[in-house]
């Protein structure tokens, strides 16, 4: 499967979905003007990838801010992962250890999932 890459902007996160290098990352701010246009291709890519892949999958979400519209699509991604109860999927929710809002968001997402492991990973600010 081809890699899916999006360069970071002031409103959108960096997206690296690269199966050849086993890197799956969304990093930065998520406040796109059109959340559907931004996230739909990502959801489509994840859907196709998960269907054709076996073995352990680890996806890193390192968002430092997201708006309400983006939160719905992030949840949609996690719920897509959650549908595949036969897959070994882990989501790393990486956040600044001083950012209580992002920690709480990760906890809330984790509570909504049944088969996906969402691991909270606080990081010291550089």
C-alpha atoms as a PDB file:
ATOM      1  CA  UNK A   1       0.000   0.000   0.000  1.00  0.00           C
ATOM      2  CA  UNK A   2       1.256   3.483  -0.846  1.00  0.00           C
ATOM      3  CA  UNK A   3       2.244   5.931   1.834  1.00  0.00           C
ATOM      4  CA  UNK A   4      -0.070   8.827   2.635  1.00  0.00           C
ATOM      5  CA  UNK A   5       1.721  12.037   3.585  1.00  0.00           C
ATOM      6  CA  UNK A   6       0.458  15.509   4.482  1.00  0.00           C
ATOM      7  CA  UNK A   7       2.828  18.352   5.317  1.00  0.00           C
ATOM      8  CA  UNK A   8       2.115  20.230   8.536  1.00  0.00           C
ATOM      9  CA  UNK A   9       0.510  23.688   8.285  1.00  0.00           C
ATOM     10  CA  UNK A  10      -0.705  26.226  10.834  1.00  0.00           C
ATOM     11  CA  UNK A  11      -4.154  24.574  10.712  1.00  0.00           C
ATOM     12  CA  UNK A  12      -3.444  20.917   9.958  1.00  0.00           C
ATOM     13  CA  UNK A  13      -1.222  18.255  11.476  1.00  0.00           C
ATOM     14  CA  UNK A  14       1.614  16.432   9.818  1.00  0.00           C
ATOM     15  CA  UNK A  15       0.311  13.076   8.617  1.00  0.00           C
ATOM     16  CA  UNK A  16       2.709  10.212   7.959  1.00  0.00           C
ATOM     17  CA  UNK A  17       1.078   6.896   7.104  1.00  0.00           C
ATOM     18  CA  UNK A  18       3.978   4.876   5.772  1.00  0.00           C
ATOM     19  CA  UNK A  19       3.625   1.092   5.931  1.00  0.00           C
ATOM     20  CA  UNK A  20       7.044   0.481   4.346  1.00  0.00           C
ATOM     21  CA  UNK A  21       8.736   2.195   7.300  1.00  0.00           C
ATOM     22  CA  UNK A  22       6.060   1.216   9.843  1.00  0.00           C
ATOM     23  CA  UNK A  23       5.370   4.862  10.729  1.00  0.00           C
ATOM     24  CA  UNK A  24       1.795   5.968  11.421  1.00  0.00           C
ATOM     25  CA  UNK A  25       1.643   9.469  12.868  1.00  0.00           C
ATOM     26  CA  UNK A  26      -0.637  12.491  13.150  1.00  0.00           C
ATOM     27  CA  UNK A  27       1.259  15.349  14.795  1.00  0.00           C
ATOM     28  CA  UNK A  28       0.499  19.008  15.407  1.00  0.00           C
ATOM     29  CA  UNK A  29      -2.644  21.146  15.431  1.00  0.00           C
ATOM     30  CA  UNK A  30      -5.899  19.987  13.871  1.00  0.00           C
ATOM     31  CA  UNK A  31      -8.150  22.885  13.015  1.00  0.00           C
ATOM     32  CA  UNK A  32      -8.772  22.544   9.300  1.00  0.00           C
ATOM     33  CA  UNK A  33     -11.316  24.847   7.715  1.00  0.00           C
ATOM     34  CA  UNK A  34     -13.032  21.804   6.198  1.00  0.00           C
ATOM     35  CA  UNK A  35     -12.544  18.901   8.615  1.00  0.00           C
ATOM     36  CA  UNK A  36     -14.392  16.469   6.354  1.00  0.00           C
ATOM     37  CA  UNK A  37     -12.139  17.218   3.371  1.00  0.00           C
ATOM     38  CA  UNK A  38      -9.036  16.866   5.533  1.00  0.00           C
ATOM     39  CA  UNK A  39      -9.930  13.740   7.514  1.00  0.00           C
ATOM     40  CA  UNK A  40     -11.946  11.682   4.991  1.00  0.00           C
ATOM     41  CA  UNK A  41      -8.886  10.608   2.957  1.00  0.00           C
ATOM     42  CA  UNK A  42      -7.102   9.665   6.194  1.00  0.00           C
ATOM     43  CA  UNK A  43     -10.054   7.556   7.341  1.00  0.00           C
ATOM     44  CA  UNK A  44     -10.264   5.927   3.891  1.00  0.00           C
ATOM     45  CA  UNK A  45      -6.541   5.116   4.006  1.00  0.00           C
ATOM     46  CA  UNK A  46      -6.771   3.618   7.508  1.00  0.00           C
ATOM     47  CA  UNK A  47      -9.814   1.573   6.491  1.00  0.00           C
ATOM     48  CA  UNK A  48      -8.039   0.067   3.485  1.00  0.00           C
ATOM     49  CA  UNK A  49      -4.796  -0.524   5.388  1.00  0.00           C
ATOM     50  CA  UNK A  50      -6.383  -2.293   8.350  1.00  0.00           C
ATOM     51  CA  UNK A  51      -8.358  -4.615   6.075  1.00  0.00           C
ATOM     52  CA  UNK A  52      -5.233  -5.832   4.288  1.00  0.00           C
ATOM     53  CA  UNK A  53      -2.825  -5.972   7.220  1.00  0.00           C
ATOM     54  CA  UNK A  54      -2.298  -8.516   9.941  1.00  0.00           C
ATOM     55  CA  UNK A  55      -0.064  -8.396  12.957  1.00  0.00           C
ATOM     56  CA  UNK A  56       0.471  -5.637  15.483  1.00  0.00           C
ATOM     57  CA  UNK A  57      -0.318  -2.081  14.420  1.00  0.00           C
ATOM     58  CA  UNK A  58       0.712   0.998  16.394  1.00  0.00           C
ATOM     59  CA  UNK A  59      -0.620   4.442  15.531  1.00  0.00           C
ATOM     60  CA  UNK A  60       0.778   7.611  17.139  1.00  0.00           C
ATOM     61  CA  UNK A  61      -1.434  10.641  17.712  1.00  0.00           C
ATOM     62  CA  UNK A  62       0.645  13.575  18.917  1.00  0.00           C
ATOM     63  CA  UNK A  63      -1.798  16.423  18.688  1.00  0.00           C
ATOM     64  CA  UNK A  64      -1.281  19.544  20.747  1.00  0.00           C
ATOM     65  CA  UNK A  65      -4.632  21.076  19.839  1.00  0.00           C
ATOM     66  CA  UNK A  66      -7.755  20.158  17.894  1.00  0.00           C
ATOM     67  CA  UNK A  67     -11.070  21.868  17.317  1.00  0.00           C
ATOM     68  CA  UNK A  68     -14.531  20.406  17.841  1.00  0.00           C
ATOM     69  CA  UNK A  69     -14.965  19.397  14.193  1.00  0.00           C
ATOM     70  CA  UNK A  70     -11.631  17.558  14.248  1.00  0.00           C
ATOM     71  CA  UNK A  71     -12.506  15.776  17.502  1.00  0.00           C
ATOM     72  CA  UNK A  72     -15.416  14.056  15.741  1.00  0.00           C
ATOM     73  CA  UNK A  73     -13.127  12.742  12.995  1.00  0.00           C
ATOM     74  CA  UNK A  74     -10.472  11.651  15.474  1.00  0.00           C
ATOM     75  CA  UNK A  75     -13.170   9.673  17.256  1.00  0.00           C
ATOM     76  CA  UNK A  76     -14.300   8.258  13.893  1.00  0.00           C
ATOM     77  CA  UNK A  77     -10.750   7.008  13.298  1.00  0.00           C
ATOM     78  CA  UNK A  78     -10.628   5.389  16.731  1.00  0.00           C
ATOM     79  CA  UNK A  79     -14.068   3.809  16.283  1.00  0.00           C
ATOM     80  CA  UNK A  80     -12.926   2.445  12.916  1.00  0.00           C
ATOM     81  CA  UNK A  81      -9.969   0.814  14.683  1.00  0.00           C
ATOM     82  CA  UNK A  82     -12.339  -0.489  17.361  1.00  0.00           C
ATOM     83  CA  UNK A  83     -14.417  -2.352  14.749  1.00  0.00           C
ATOM     84  CA  UNK A  84     -11.502  -4.695  14.081  1.00  0.00           C
ATOM     85  CA  UNK A  85     -11.640  -6.762  17.244  1.00  0.00           C
ATOM     86  CA  UNK A  86      -9.527  -9.455  15.539  1.00  0.00           C
ATOM     87  CA  UNK A  87      -6.600  -7.044  15.021  1.00  0.00           C
ATOM     88  CA  UNK A  88      -3.877  -6.080  17.475  1.00  0.00           C
ATOM     89  CA  UNK A  89      -4.141  -2.288  17.349  1.00  0.00           C
ATOM     90  CA  UNK A  90      -2.574   0.168  19.768  1.00  0.00           C
ATOM     91  CA  UNK A  91      -2.992   3.924  19.705  1.00  0.00           C
ATOM     92  CA  UNK A  92      -0.371   6.035  21.450  1.00  0.00           C
ATOM     93  CA  UNK A  93      -1.906   9.307  22.626  1.00  0.00           C
ATOM     94  CA  UNK A  94       1.214  11.428  23.026  1.00  0.00           C
ATOM     95  CA  UNK A  95       0.812  14.746  24.809  1.00  0.00           C
ATOM     96  CA  UNK A  96       2.837  17.339  26.687  1.00  0.00           C
ATOM     97  CA  UNK A  97       2.920  16.265  30.326  1.00  0.00           C
ATOM     98  CA  UNK A  98       1.773  19.766  31.365  1.00  0.00           C
ATOM     99  CA  UNK A  99      -1.240  19.773  29.014  1.00  0.00           C
ATOM    100  CA  UNK A 100      -4.176  18.629  31.126  1.00  0.00           C
ATOM    101  CA  UNK A 101      -6.662  19.243  28.296  1.00  0.00           C
ATOM    102  CA  UNK A 102      -4.911  16.848  25.930  1.00  0.00           C
ATOM    103  CA  UNK A 103      -4.464  14.296  28.716  1.00  0.00           C
ATOM    104  CA  UNK A 104      -8.173  14.485  29.491  1.00  0.00           C
ATOM    105  CA  UNK A 105      -9.068  14.185  25.797  1.00  0.00           C
ATOM    106  CA  UNK A 106      -6.986  11.007  25.575  1.00  0.00           C
ATOM    107  CA  UNK A 107      -8.684   9.597  28.665  1.00  0.00           C
ATOM    108  CA  UNK A 108     -12.112  10.340  27.195  1.00  0.00           C
ATOM    109  CA  UNK A 109     -11.245   8.659  23.890  1.00  0.00           C
ATOM    110  CA  UNK A 110      -9.860   5.637  25.754  1.00  0.00           C
ATOM    111  CA  UNK A 111     -13.126   5.302  27.688  1.00  0.00           C
ATOM    112  CA  UNK A 112     -15.095   5.156  24.426  1.00  0.00           C
ATOM    113  CA  UNK A 113     -13.145   2.227  22.980  1.00  0.00           C
ATOM    114  CA  UNK A 114     -13.599  -1.449  23.705  1.00  0.00           C
ATOM    115  CA  UNK A 115     -11.025  -3.404  21.682  1.00  0.00           C
ATOM    116  CA  UNK A 116      -8.341  -0.830  20.885  1.00  0.00           C
ATOM    117  CA  UNK A 117      -5.638  -0.129  23.426  1.00  0.00           C
ATOM    118  CA  UNK A 118      -5.245   3.635  23.757  1.00  0.00           C
ATOM    119  CA  UNK A 119      -2.097   4.325  25.736  1.00  0.00           C
ATOM    120  CA  UNK A 120      -1.544   7.746  27.277  1.00  0.00           C
ATOM    121  CA  UNK A 121       2.079   8.790  26.834  1.00  0.00           C
ATOM    122  CA  UNK A 122       3.039  12.058  28.529  1.00  0.00           C
ATOM    123  CA  UNK A 123       6.182  13.681  27.152  1.00  0.00           C
ATOM    124  CA  UNK A 124       8.355  16.322  28.794  1.00  0.00           C
ATOM    125  CA  UNK A 125       8.274  19.580  26.895  1.00  0.00           C
ATOM    126  CA  UNK A 126      11.468  20.171  24.958  1.00  0.00           C
END
